[in-house]
Protein backbone atom coordinates (compact mmCIF):
# COMPACT_ATOMS: atom_id res chain seq x y z
CA UNK A 1 223.66 7.20 57.36
CA UNK A 2 226.78 4.96 57.45
CA UNK A 3 228.37 7.12 54.74
CA UNK A 4 227.66 10.26 56.76
CA UNK A 5 229.03 8.63 59.91
CA UNK A 6 232.28 7.68 58.10
CA UNK A 7 232.77 11.24 56.88
CA UNK A 8 231.91 12.66 60.29
CA UNK A 9 234.51 10.39 61.87
CA UNK A 10 237.08 11.52 59.33
CA UNK A 11 236.34 15.16 60.16
CA UNK A 12 236.52 14.45 63.88
CA UNK A 13 239.91 12.82 63.30
CA UNK A 14 241.11 15.94 61.51
CA UNK A 15 240.07 18.14 64.43
CA UNK A 16 241.78 15.77 66.84
CA UNK A 17 244.99 15.93 64.82
CA UNK A 18 244.92 19.70 64.91
CA UNK A 19 244.81 19.50 68.69
CA UNK A 20 247.56 16.92 69.21
CA UNK A 21 249.80 17.55 66.21
CA UNK A 22 250.00 13.92 65.01
CA UNK A 23 248.66 11.65 62.27
CA UNK A 24 246.17 8.83 62.92
CA UNK A 25 247.88 5.49 63.45
CA UNK A 26 245.66 3.88 60.83
CA UNK A 27 246.44 6.35 58.06
CA UNK A 28 249.43 8.23 56.70
CA UNK A 29 247.18 10.71 54.89
CA UNK A 30 247.60 14.42 55.58
CA UNK A 31 244.69 16.12 57.25
CA UNK A 32 241.82 17.58 55.24
CA UNK A 33 240.24 20.84 56.40
CA UNK A 34 237.24 20.53 58.64
CA UNK A 35 233.83 21.00 57.02
CA UNK A 36 231.10 23.19 58.48
CA UNK A 37 228.99 21.20 60.93
CA UNK A 38 225.85 19.66 59.48
CA UNK A 39 226.96 19.78 55.85
CA UNK A 40 227.02 16.67 53.65
CA UNK A 41 229.17 16.05 50.56
CA UNK A 42 226.16 14.45 48.84
CA UNK A 43 224.54 17.90 48.57
CA UNK A 44 227.66 19.62 47.19
CA UNK A 45 228.28 20.56 43.52
CA UNK A 46 229.37 17.77 41.18
CA UNK A 47 233.12 17.52 40.50
CA UNK A 48 235.10 15.29 38.10
CA UNK A 49 238.77 14.61 38.84
CA UNK A 50 241.01 13.11 36.13
CA UNK A 51 243.31 10.41 37.56
CA UNK A 52 246.42 9.28 35.64
CA UNK A 53 247.71 5.68 35.90
CA UNK A 54 250.66 4.52 33.83
CA UNK A 55 249.88 0.81 34.29
CA UNK A 56 246.92 -1.25 33.03
CA UNK A 57 243.87 -1.68 35.24
CA UNK A 58 244.49 -5.41 35.79
CA UNK A 59 247.43 -4.65 38.12
CA UNK A 60 247.60 -4.15 41.87
CA UNK A 61 247.73 -0.39 41.43
CA UNK A 62 244.95 -0.46 38.84
CA UNK A 63 242.62 -2.34 41.19
CA UNK A 64 243.51 0.04 44.00
CA UNK A 65 242.61 2.98 41.77
CA UNK A 66 239.23 1.40 41.06
CA UNK A 67 238.62 0.77 44.77
CA UNK A 68 239.55 4.37 45.61
CA UNK A 69 237.30 5.70 42.81
CA UNK A 70 234.33 3.67 44.05
CA UNK A 71 234.84 4.71 47.68
CA UNK A 72 235.04 8.38 46.71
CA UNK A 73 231.75 8.04 44.82
CA UNK A 74 230.16 6.26 47.78
CA UNK A 75 231.36 8.68 50.47
CA UNK A 76 230.47 11.79 48.47
CA UNK A 77 227.05 10.56 47.40
CA UNK A 78 228.24 10.59 43.79
CA UNK A 79 229.20 14.26 43.76
CA UNK A 80 232.90 13.51 43.15
CA UNK A 81 233.73 11.36 40.13
CA UNK A 82 237.25 9.95 39.65
CA UNK A 83 237.95 9.49 35.93
CA UNK A 84 240.82 6.97 35.72
CA UNK A 85 242.94 7.20 32.56
CA UNK A 86 245.15 4.09 32.62
CA UNK A 87 247.91 2.43 30.59
CA UNK A 88 249.84 5.66 30.23
CA UNK A 89 247.37 7.35 27.87
CA UNK A 90 248.10 10.69 29.57
CA UNK A 91 251.85 10.21 29.27
CA UNK A 92 254.69 8.83 31.33
CA UNK A 93 254.90 9.37 35.07
CA UNK A 94 257.31 12.26 34.52
CA UNK A 95 255.07 13.78 31.84
CA UNK A 96 252.12 13.66 34.23
CA UNK A 97 254.09 15.16 37.09
CA UNK A 98 255.47 17.92 34.87
CA UNK A 99 251.91 18.77 33.87
CA UNK A 100 250.56 18.75 37.43
CA UNK A 101 253.46 20.79 38.80
CA UNK A 102 253.00 23.33 36.02
CA UNK A 103 249.47 23.97 37.35
CA UNK A 104 247.79 22.26 34.41
CA UNK A 105 244.06 21.74 34.85
CA UNK A 106 243.93 18.66 32.58
CA UNK A 107 245.17 16.15 35.21
CA UNK A 108 244.00 16.37 38.80
CA UNK A 109 245.35 13.18 40.38
CA UNK A 110 247.97 10.52 39.72
CA UNK A 111 249.27 7.30 41.14
CA UNK A 112 253.04 7.70 41.23
CA UNK A 113 256.08 5.84 42.50
CA UNK A 114 256.81 7.10 45.99
CA UNK A 115 260.21 8.35 44.87
CA UNK A 116 258.96 10.13 41.72
CA UNK A 117 259.02 13.55 43.34
CA UNK A 118 262.72 13.30 44.19
CA UNK A 119 263.50 14.84 40.80
CA UNK A 120 261.50 17.89 41.89
CA UNK A 121 263.30 18.50 45.18
CA UNK A 122 261.55 16.05 47.51
CA UNK A 123 264.56 14.83 49.49
CA UNK A 124 262.61 12.80 52.05
CA UNK A 125 260.92 10.70 49.39
CA UNK A 126 264.34 9.70 48.09
CA UNK A 127 264.82 7.57 51.22
CA UNK A 128 261.93 5.32 50.18
CA UNK A 129 263.67 4.38 46.94
CA UNK A 130 267.00 3.31 48.42
CA UNK A 131 267.75 -0.36 47.75
CA UNK A 132 267.23 -2.80 50.61
CA UNK A 133 265.70 -0.18 52.93
CA UNK A 134 262.55 -2.22 53.58
CA UNK A 135 263.36 -5.77 54.59
CA UNK A 136 259.75 -6.98 54.29
CA UNK A 137 256.25 -5.86 53.46
CA UNK A 138 255.51 -5.67 57.18
CA UNK A 139 258.39 -3.23 57.55
CA UNK A 140 256.95 -0.99 54.83
CA UNK A 141 253.44 -1.04 56.30
CA UNK A 142 254.85 -0.19 59.72
CA UNK A 143 256.19 2.93 58.03
CA UNK A 144 253.08 3.67 55.93
CA UNK A 145 250.81 3.52 58.99
CA UNK A 146 253.11 5.58 61.18
CA UNK A 147 253.15 9.28 62.02
CA UNK A 148 256.37 9.47 60.01
CA UNK A 149 254.55 8.69 56.75
CA UNK A 150 252.34 11.77 57.05
CA UNK A 151 255.49 13.89 57.19
CA UNK A 152 256.61 12.33 53.90
CA UNK A 153 253.22 12.74 52.21
CA UNK A 154 253.15 16.41 53.19
CA UNK A 155 256.65 17.13 51.89
CA UNK A 156 255.52 18.61 48.53
CA UNK A 157 253.41 21.20 50.35
CA UNK A 158 256.31 22.19 52.60
CA UNK A 159 258.39 22.72 49.45
CA UNK A 160 255.73 24.89 47.84
CA UNK A 161 254.88 22.32 45.16
CA UNK A 162 251.23 22.45 44.02
CA UNK A 163 250.46 18.78 44.87
CA UNK A 164 249.75 16.85 48.05
CA UNK A 165 249.80 13.18 49.01
CA UNK A 166 246.60 11.32 49.87
CA UNK A 167 247.72 7.79 50.73
CA UNK A 168 250.49 5.22 50.40
CA UNK A 169 250.50 1.75 48.91
CA UNK A 170 252.89 -0.80 47.50
CA UNK A 171 252.98 -3.05 44.48
CA UNK A 172 255.48 -5.62 45.69
CA UNK A 173 259.24 -5.81 45.57
CA UNK A 174 260.96 -4.77 42.37
CA UNK A 175 263.19 -7.23 40.52
CA UNK A 176 265.41 -7.08 37.45
CA UNK A 177 264.40 -8.85 34.24
CA UNK A 178 266.52 -9.40 31.15
CA UNK A 179 266.35 -10.32 27.48
CA UNK A 180 269.16 -12.86 27.79
CA UNK A 181 269.26 -15.43 30.62
CA UNK A 182 271.18 -14.49 33.78
CA UNK A 183 272.16 -16.59 36.76
CA UNK A 184 273.49 -14.00 39.17
CA UNK A 185 274.75 -10.48 39.80
CA UNK A 186 277.96 -10.94 37.78
CA UNK A 187 275.93 -11.26 34.57
CA UNK A 188 274.80 -7.61 34.82
CA UNK A 189 278.29 -6.26 34.19
CA UNK A 190 278.24 -4.33 30.90
CA UNK A 191 274.47 -4.56 30.40
CA UNK A 192 272.27 -1.61 29.43
CA UNK A 193 269.51 -1.42 32.02
CA UNK A 194 266.46 0.80 31.77
CA UNK A 195 265.87 3.30 34.57
CA UNK A 196 263.36 6.08 35.05
CA UNK A 197 264.68 9.59 35.63
CA UNK A 198 265.88 8.60 39.10
CA UNK A 199 269.41 9.25 40.41
CA UNK A 200 269.14 6.55 43.07
CA UNK A 201 268.37 3.75 40.62
CA UNK A 202 270.98 5.14 38.23
CA UNK A 203 273.57 4.88 41.00
CA UNK A 204 272.50 1.35 41.89
CA UNK A 205 272.67 0.17 38.28
CA UNK A 206 276.15 1.64 37.95
CA UNK A 207 277.10 -0.19 41.14
CA UNK A 208 276.19 -3.42 39.35
CA UNK A 209 278.66 -2.50 36.59
CA UNK A 210 275.85 -1.82 34.12
CA UNK A 211 274.92 1.27 32.10
CA UNK A 212 271.77 3.17 33.12
CA UNK A 213 269.54 4.13 30.19
CA UNK A 214 266.49 6.37 30.70
CA UNK A 215 263.44 5.01 28.86
CA UNK A 216 259.80 5.99 29.42
CA UNK A 217 257.58 3.21 30.72
CA UNK A 218 255.34 3.28 27.65
CA UNK A 219 258.41 2.80 25.42
CA UNK A 220 260.04 0.02 27.43
CA UNK A 221 258.51 -2.97 25.60
CA UNK A 222 259.86 -1.68 22.29
CA UNK A 223 263.23 -0.83 23.84
CA UNK A 224 263.61 -4.42 25.07
CA UNK A 225 262.40 -5.85 21.78
CA UNK A 226 264.90 -3.83 19.75
CA UNK A 227 267.82 -4.23 22.18
CA UNK A 228 267.97 -0.55 23.05
CA UNK A 229 268.23 -1.95 26.58
CA UNK A 230 269.15 -5.43 27.82
CA UNK A 231 266.92 -5.38 30.85
CA UNK A 232 264.92 -3.35 33.35
CA UNK A 233 263.25 -3.69 36.74
CA UNK A 234 259.62 -3.68 37.84
CA UNK A 235 257.35 -5.30 40.41
CA UNK A 236 256.21 -8.77 39.36
CA UNK A 237 252.59 -7.76 38.66
CA UNK A 238 253.62 -4.89 36.39
CA UNK A 239 256.09 -7.12 34.56
CA UNK A 240 253.31 -9.51 33.60
CA UNK A 241 250.60 -6.89 33.00
CA UNK A 242 252.85 -5.10 30.50
CA UNK A 243 253.77 -8.43 28.81
CA UNK A 244 257.48 -7.81 29.31
CA UNK A 245 257.98 -11.56 29.60
CA UNK A 246 257.31 -11.74 25.84
CA UNK A 247 260.54 -9.84 25.13
CA UNK A 248 262.55 -10.37 28.34
CA UNK A 249 261.68 -13.80 29.72
CA UNK A 250 264.16 -13.99 32.62
CA UNK A 251 263.38 -12.44 35.99
CA UNK A 252 265.87 -12.60 38.85
CA UNK A 253 264.27 -12.19 42.27
CA UNK A 254 266.74 -9.77 43.86
CA UNK A 255 263.96 -7.78 45.62
CA UNK A 256 266.09 -4.65 45.63
CA UNK A 257 263.36 -2.10 46.37
CA UNK A 258 259.80 -2.33 47.61
CA UNK A 259 257.57 -0.70 45.01
CA UNK A 260 256.16 1.98 47.30
CA UNK A 261 253.52 4.14 45.64
CA UNK A 262 251.37 7.07 46.57
CA UNK A 263 248.34 8.83 45.15
CA UNK A 264 248.65 12.60 44.85
CA UNK A 265 246.25 15.40 43.96
CA UNK A 266 247.07 18.81 42.51
CA UNK A 267 246.11 21.99 44.30
CA UNK A 268 243.81 22.75 41.36
CA UNK A 269 242.02 19.44 41.84
CA UNK A 270 241.90 19.85 45.62
CA UNK A 271 240.40 23.31 45.35
CA UNK A 272 237.62 22.09 43.04
CA UNK A 273 236.09 20.35 46.05
CA UNK A 274 234.24 21.56 49.11
CA UNK A 275 235.63 20.84 52.58
CA UNK A 276 233.11 17.98 52.90
CA UNK A 277 234.28 16.41 49.65
CA UNK A 278 237.93 16.84 50.60
CA UNK A 279 237.31 15.02 53.88
CA UNK A 280 235.51 12.21 52.04
CA UNK A 281 238.41 11.85 49.58
CA UNK A 282 240.88 11.56 52.47
CA UNK A 283 238.69 8.90 54.11
CA UNK A 284 238.51 7.02 50.81
CA UNK A 285 242.31 7.20 50.69
CA UNK A 286 242.57 5.64 54.14
CA UNK A 287 240.32 2.79 53.04
CA UNK A 288 242.26 2.35 49.78
CA UNK A 289 245.49 2.11 51.75
CA UNK A 290 243.99 -0.71 53.79
CA UNK A 291 242.75 -2.36 50.57
CA UNK A 292 246.14 -2.48 48.89
CA UNK A 293 247.81 -3.66 52.10
CA UNK A 294 245.50 -6.68 52.11
CA UNK A 295 245.57 -7.30 48.33
CA UNK A 296 249.15 -6.88 47.22
CA UNK A 297 250.98 -9.96 48.47
CA UNK A 298 248.34 -12.52 47.48
CA UNK A 299 247.94 -10.96 44.04
CA UNK A 300 251.69 -10.93 43.50
CA UNK A 301 252.09 -14.59 44.50
CA UNK A 302 249.38 -15.59 42.03
CA UNK A 303 251.09 -13.66 39.22
CA UNK A 304 254.42 -15.34 40.01
CA UNK A 305 252.77 -18.77 39.85
CA UNK A 306 251.21 -17.83 36.50
CA UNK A 307 254.57 -16.70 35.12
CA UNK A 308 256.26 -19.94 36.15
CA UNK A 309 253.44 -21.95 34.57
CA UNK A 310 253.84 -19.94 31.35
CA UNK A 311 257.53 -20.84 31.12
CA UNK A 312 259.11 -17.66 32.47
CA UNK A 313 262.69 -18.21 33.66
CA UNK A 314 262.46 -17.25 37.34
CA UNK A 315 265.87 -17.09 39.04
CA UNK A 316 266.00 -17.23 42.83
CA UNK A 317 268.70 -15.25 44.68
CA UNK A 318 270.13 -17.25 47.56
CA UNK A 319 272.73 -14.71 48.70
CA UNK A 320 271.71 -11.04 48.74
CA UNK A 321 274.96 -9.77 50.23
CA UNK A 322 276.69 -9.03 46.87
CA UNK A 323 273.63 -7.04 45.81
CA UNK A 324 273.59 -5.11 49.08
CA UNK A 325 277.31 -4.42 48.75
CA UNK A 326 276.78 -3.08 45.21
CA UNK A 327 274.51 -0.29 46.43
CA UNK A 328 276.40 0.91 49.50
CA UNK A 329 277.83 3.93 47.71
CA UNK A 330 274.43 5.18 46.51
CA UNK A 331 272.90 4.59 49.96
CA UNK A 332 275.67 6.52 51.69
CA UNK A 333 275.44 9.39 49.21
CA UNK A 334 271.68 9.76 49.52
CA UNK A 335 271.41 9.45 53.31
CA UNK A 336 274.30 11.73 54.25
CA UNK A 337 272.06 14.73 54.97
CA UNK A 338 269.13 12.72 56.37
CA UNK A 339 270.77 9.97 58.38
CA UNK A 340 268.56 10.40 61.43
CA UNK A 341 265.37 10.26 59.36
CA UNK A 342 266.65 7.19 57.49
CA UNK A 343 267.46 5.49 60.77
CA UNK A 344 263.90 6.13 61.93
CA UNK A 345 262.62 4.24 58.86
CA UNK A 346 265.04 1.37 59.46
CA UNK A 347 263.95 1.14 63.11
CA UNK A 348 260.35 0.42 62.09
CA UNK A 349 261.11 -3.14 60.91
């Protein structure tokens, strides 16, 4: 009965949104279609959705995926199964997105970096990847739980892309780590730093005087080990989970970008489900967003303590201003056409 009540509330919320034109304050998820009255997802046909995760399961995002999977099973009475394929076994983030956007039926869902769709025309999402946009976790969650976030999650649909956002999360601030010891920003001059296929991070790295080198996540360990690159950047939990400290044992806590993430579903995956199941998945997404909001900071702090205890060279940054100055050009370039929207994000701190 509690499961049915939760789904009924989610459907009622959808109908309310249709009337008032806004998103619920507690969730940035786009609205699911209303189900016929009296129907129950537990009596609907069984569906399996394949979910791609590039990181291992013992990370913040891995645990969030598990929580989301379990909630979907609970709220649908077991009729929707989320099959999580982790550690990049389905390919890099870009490989997965290419597949989903090409209407492949082999991958239905993915946990992606919030800015990953910028390479596919999602201009709004680009604002989430700009360095030093979010000054704190609280600032990010003010955004993620605002009406503004629903507009961002729905951007792929407005562009005609065959995917849609379900919920937001974060995996902590991203920091640079290097093979050779560094003490400050000046040491990055001339380095080769790994980036994903992201023009914002490429511009930031160039602002540091370094060379941006595109390397897939599942190839990064080897690239560091063989000096293809001198360093990279990741959230703390991902750095440890991927054992990057074995080949690049210095991490400098510059906190340049909050690792905002989102979970998306393809139109093919969405259309496999009934309206009841879709509503249950959106409710599970709302609960998963709350889960990661409560889990991320404590988990990250524990990982940082573990790294220090293991002998990782953790470098504190006492003056962020040189780092902020280094990215002014890329911020200006990427906010020029969306300054008002960017200012709305900044105002949420």
